[in-house]
C-alpha atoms as a PDB file:
ATOM      1  CA  MET A   1      -9.859  -5.886  13.163  1.00  0.00           C
ATOM      2  CA  LYS A   2      -6.127  -5.057  13.198  1.00  0.00           C
ATOM      3  CA  TYR A   3      -5.605  -8.328  11.030  1.00  0.00           C
ATOM      4  CA  PHE A   4      -8.408  -7.233   8.688  1.00  0.00           C
ATOM      5  CA  LEU A   5      -6.741  -3.864   8.323  1.00  0.00           C
ATOM      6  CA  ALA A   6      -3.209  -5.228   7.702  1.00  0.00           C
ATOM      7  CA  THR A   7      -4.613  -7.692   5.148  1.00  0.00           C
ATOM      8  CA  LEU A   8      -6.176  -4.750   3.281  1.00  0.00           C
ATOM      9  CA  SER A   9      -3.158  -2.729   3.361  1.00  0.00           C
ATOM     10  CA  ILE A  10      -1.052  -5.759   2.164  1.00  0.00           C
ATOM     11  CA  ILE A  11      -3.627  -6.261  -0.773  1.00  0.00           C
ATOM     12  CA  PHE A  12      -3.149  -2.319  -1.521  1.00  0.00           C
ATOM     13  CA  LEU A  13       0.631  -2.618  -1.440  1.00  0.00           C
ATOM     14  CA  PHE A  14       0.579  -5.663  -3.655  1.00  0.00           C
ATOM     15  CA  GLY A  15      -1.871  -3.729  -6.140  1.00  0.00           C
ATOM     16  CA  ALA A  16       0.949  -0.778  -5.934  1.00  0.00           C
ATOM     17  CA  TYR A  17       3.739  -3.056  -6.721  1.00  0.00           C
ATOM     18  CA  LEU A  18       2.219  -5.217  -9.472  1.00  0.00           C
ATOM     19  CA  PRO A  19       2.507  -2.678 -12.246  1.00  0.00           C
ATOM     20  CA  TYR A  20       6.285  -2.269 -11.495  1.00  0.00           C
ATOM     21  CA  LEU A  21       6.894  -6.075 -10.932  1.00  0.00           C
ATOM     22  CA  PHE A  22       5.374  -6.620 -14.674  1.00  0.00           C
ATOM     23  CA  ASN A  23       7.406  -4.000 -16.018  1.00  0.00           C
ATOM     24  CA  VAL A  24      10.526  -5.352 -14.674  1.00  0.00           C
ATOM     25  CA  LEU A  25       9.782  -8.902 -15.852  1.00  0.00           C
ATOM     26  CA  LYS A  26       9.096  -7.471 -19.276  1.00  0.00           C
ATOM     27  CA  LYS A  27      12.211  -5.529 -19.085  1.00  0.00           C
ATOM     28  CA  HIS A  28      10.532  -2.386 -19.503  1.00  0.00           C
ATOM     29  CA  ALA A  29      11.930  -1.281 -16.273  1.00  0.00           C
ATOM     30  CA  ARG A  30      15.650  -2.005 -15.096  1.00  0.00           C
ATOM     31  CA  PRO A  31      15.663  -1.465 -11.454  1.00  0.00           C
ATOM     32  CA  HIS A  32      18.940  -0.205  -9.651  1.00  0.00           C
ATOM     33  CA  VAL A  33      20.499  -2.698  -7.118  1.00  0.00           C
ATOM     34  CA  PHE A  34      21.744  -0.254  -4.839  1.00  0.00           C
ATOM     35  CA  SER A  35      18.352   1.540  -4.487  1.00  0.00           C
ATOM     36  CA  TRP A  36      16.514  -1.772  -4.124  1.00  0.00           C
ATOM     37  CA  LEU A  37      18.885  -3.197  -1.726  1.00  0.00           C
ATOM     38  CA  THR A  38      18.823  -0.140   0.525  1.00  0.00           C
ATOM     39  CA  TRP A  39      14.776  -0.368   0.566  1.00  0.00           C
ATOM     40  CA  CYS A  40      14.904  -4.228   1.162  1.00  0.00           C
ATOM     41  CA  ILE A  41      17.268  -3.544   4.100  1.00  0.00           C
ATOM     42  CA  LEU A  42      14.884  -0.905   5.466  1.00  0.00           C
ATOM     43  CA  MET A  43      11.753  -2.952   5.194  1.00  0.00           C
ATOM     44  CA  ALA A  44      13.748  -5.732   7.043  1.00  0.00           C
ATOM     45  CA  LEU A  45      14.649  -3.559   9.781  1.00  0.00           C
ATOM     46  CA  GLY A  46      11.099  -1.854  10.064  1.00  0.00           C
ATOM     47  CA  PHE A  47       9.673  -5.284  10.249  1.00  0.00           C
ATOM     48  CA  VAL A  48      11.862  -6.605  12.864  1.00  0.00           C
ATOM     49  CA  LEU A  49      11.942  -3.491  15.049  1.00  0.00           C
ATOM     50  CA  SER A  50       8.399  -3.191  14.891  1.00  0.00           C
ATOM     51  CA  TRP A  51       7.637  -6.653  15.458  1.00  0.00           C
ATOM     52  CA  GLN A  52      10.006  -6.788  18.513  1.00  0.00           C
ATOM     53  CA  SER A  53       8.188  -3.766  19.789  1.00  0.00           C
ATOM     54  CA  GLY A  54       4.849  -5.467  19.590  1.00  0.00           C
ATOM     55  CA  GLY A  55       3.757  -4.182  15.981  1.00  0.00           C
ATOM     56  CA  GLN A  56       1.923  -7.313  15.474  1.00  0.00           C
ATOM     57  CA  ALA A  57      -0.324  -7.054  12.432  1.00  0.00           C
ATOM     58  CA  GLY A  58       1.141  -3.673  11.418  1.00  0.00           C
ATOM     59  CA  SER A  59       4.405  -5.388  11.391  1.00  0.00           C
ATOM     60  CA  LEU A  60       3.110  -7.890   8.795  1.00  0.00           C
ATOM     61  CA  ILE A  61       3.211  -4.769   6.282  1.00  0.00           C
ATOM     62  CA  PHE A  62       6.840  -4.220   6.435  1.00  0.00           C
ATOM     63  CA  GLY A  63       7.379  -7.844   6.308  1.00  0.00           C
ATOM     64  CA  PHE A  64       5.261  -8.184   3.029  1.00  0.00           C
ATOM     65  CA  GLU A  65       7.073  -5.042   1.726  1.00  0.00           C
ATOM     66  CA  PHE A  66      10.225  -6.408   2.717  1.00  0.00           C
ATOM     67  CA  PHE A  67       9.352  -9.621   0.399  1.00  0.00           C
ATOM     68  CA  LEU A  68       8.452  -7.409  -2.572  1.00  0.00           C
ATOM     69  CA  CYS A  69      11.448  -5.460  -2.362  1.00  0.00           C
ATOM     70  CA  LEU A  70      13.319  -8.800  -2.070  1.00  0.00           C
ATOM     71  CA  LEU A  71      12.171 -10.017  -5.280  1.00  0.00           C
ATOM     72  CA  VAL A  72      13.053  -6.536  -7.205  1.00  0.00           C
ATOM     73  CA  ALA A  73      16.572  -6.784  -5.399  1.00  0.00           C
ATOM     74  CA  ILE A  74      17.117 -10.289  -6.455  1.00  0.00           C
ATOM     75  CA  TYR A  75      16.146  -9.611 -10.102  1.00  0.00           C
ATOM     76  CA  SER A  76      18.166  -6.212 -10.096  1.00  0.00           C
ATOM     77  CA  PHE A  77      21.470  -8.484  -9.393  1.00  0.00           C
ATOM     78  CA  PHE A  78      20.873 -10.139 -12.701  1.00  0.00           C
ATOM     79  CA  GLY A  79      18.684  -7.814 -14.941  1.00  0.00           C
ATOM     80  CA  GLY A  80      19.016  -4.954 -13.226  1.00  0.00           C
ATOM     81  CA  GLU A  81      21.285  -1.564 -14.150  1.00  0.00           C
ATOM     82  CA  LYS A  82      24.899  -2.403 -14.336  1.00  0.00           C
ATOM     83  CA  ASN A  83      26.517   1.223 -14.507  1.00  0.00           C
ATOM     84  CA  ILE A  84      27.166   1.768 -10.914  1.00  0.00           C
ATOM     85  CA  THR A  85      29.069   5.201 -10.418  1.00  0.00           C
ATOM     86  CA  ARG A  86      30.627   6.852  -7.332  1.00  0.00           C
ATOM     87  CA  LEU A  87      27.665   8.820  -6.628  1.00  0.00           C
ATOM     88  CA  ASP A  88      25.748   5.232  -6.557  1.00  0.00           C
ATOM     89  CA  TRP A  89      28.391   4.008  -3.961  1.00  0.00           C
ATOM     90  CA  PHE A  90      28.211   7.284  -2.048  1.00  0.00           C
ATOM     91  CA  ALA A  91      24.573   7.243  -1.687  1.00  0.00           C
ATOM     92  CA  PHE A  92      24.536   3.363  -0.847  1.00  0.00           C
ATOM     93  CA  ILE A  93      27.155   3.720   1.924  1.00  0.00           C
ATOM     94  CA  SER A  94      25.744   6.680   3.385  1.00  0.00           C
ATOM     95  CA  ALA A  95      22.494   4.916   3.758  1.00  0.00           C
ATOM     96  CA  MET A  96      24.103   2.004   5.286  1.00  0.00           C
ATOM     97  CA  LEU A  97      25.958   4.338   7.840  1.00  0.00           C
ATOM     98  CA  ILE A  98      22.443   6.140   8.655  1.00  0.00           C
ATOM     99  CA  THR A  99      21.024   2.549   9.044  1.00  0.00           C
ATOM    100  CA  VAL A 100      23.292   2.013  11.782  1.00  0.00           C
ATOM    101  CA  PHE A 101      22.273   5.209  13.671  1.00  0.00           C
ATOM    102  CA  TYR A 102      18.655   3.956  12.752  1.00  0.00           C
ATOM    103  CA  ILE A 103      18.812   0.369  14.367  1.00  0.00           C
ATOM    104  CA  PHE A 104      19.960   1.863  17.743  1.00  0.00           C
ATOM    105  CA  THR A 105      17.921   4.910  17.833  1.00  0.00           C
ATOM    106  CA  LYS A 106      15.412   4.702  20.904  1.00  0.00           C
ATOM    107  CA  ASP A 107      13.317   8.386  20.100  1.00  0.00           C
ATOM    108  CA  PRO A 108      10.413   7.271  17.887  1.00  0.00           C
ATOM    109  CA  VAL A 109      10.802  10.581  16.022  1.00  0.00           C
ATOM    110  CA  ILE A 110      14.403  10.416  15.577  1.00  0.00           C
ATOM    111  CA  SER A 111      13.820   7.084  14.113  1.00  0.00           C
ATOM    112  CA  ILE A 112      11.171   8.416  11.576  1.00  0.00           C
ATOM    113  CA  PHE A 113      13.420  11.072  10.570  1.00  0.00           C
ATOM    114  CA  LEU A 114      16.336   8.497   9.906  1.00  0.00           C
ATOM    115  CA  ALA A 115      13.965   5.980   7.928  1.00  0.00           C
ATOM    116  CA  ALA A 116      12.826   8.857   5.742  1.00  0.00           C
ATOM    117  CA  VAL A 117      16.478   9.851   5.254  1.00  0.00           C
ATOM    118  CA  ILE A 118      17.471   6.227   4.171  1.00  0.00           C
ATOM    119  CA  ASP A 119      14.539   6.133   2.113  1.00  0.00           C
ATOM    120  CA  ALA A 120      15.229   9.451   0.072  1.00  0.00           C
ATOM    121  CA  ILE A 121      18.930   8.466  -0.150  1.00  0.00           C
ATOM    122  CA  GLY A 122      17.909   5.028  -1.742  1.00  0.00           C
ATOM    123  CA  PHE A 123      16.484   7.012  -4.573  1.00  0.00           C
ATOM    124  CA  ILE A 124      19.426   8.722  -5.492  1.00  0.00           C
ATOM    125  CA  PRO A 125      20.929   5.796  -7.850  1.00  0.00           C
ATOM    126  CA  THR A 126      17.589   5.243  -9.390  1.00  0.00           C
ATOM    127  CA  PHE A 127      17.172   8.917 -10.023  1.00  0.00           C
ATOM    128  CA  ARG A 128      20.619   9.299 -11.634  1.00  0.00           C
ATOM    129  CA  LYS A 129      20.267   6.365 -13.671  1.00  0.00           C
ATOM    130  CA  SER A 130      16.834   7.534 -14.696  1.00  0.00           C
ATOM    131  CA  TYR A 131      18.123  10.979 -15.655  1.00  0.00           C
ATOM    132  CA  TRP A 132      20.637   9.560 -18.161  1.00  0.00           C
ATOM    133  CA  GLN A 133      18.601   6.590 -19.233  1.00  0.00           C
ATOM    134  CA  PRO A 134      14.909   7.529 -19.109  1.00  0.00           C
ATOM    135  CA  GLN A 135      14.015   4.289 -21.013  1.00  0.00           C
ATOM    136  CA  GLY A 136      15.076   2.083 -18.193  1.00  0.00           C
ATOM    137  CA  GLU A 137      12.282   2.919 -15.867  1.00  0.00           C
ATOM    138  CA  SER A 138       8.509   2.610 -17.141  1.00  0.00           C
ATOM    139  CA  VAL A 139       6.078   5.689 -16.314  1.00  0.00           C
ATOM    140  CA  VAL A 140       4.306   3.799 -13.708  1.00  0.00           C
END
């Protein structure tokens, strides 16, 4: 049953990413490398830490989301946003510093809080880019 639910979650996850992936490939969206790299690292850590803690089927969801984030992150290196500001650097470095604490946190509540903070900080470069270049992101 666990693997059925994990498979169902992965199907929904793929369905959620598919419109964005199409917009990226059609060049209707220009992903920000720092945002997607932050999310890629967060999902990779989520997968590894969940798997090591016995997450099994639930870990696969993190693994698949890592793969999707990695696709967008790789694309963003070549076709994504090239205007990197000090705020983008600050957000990325802050997220990576908090990630160090996230890795070594044993308390689940603090771990969830840190993951949410890292995720939110990862949005800063995309929000900044979208504010100044709204045509660089799709509505979806």
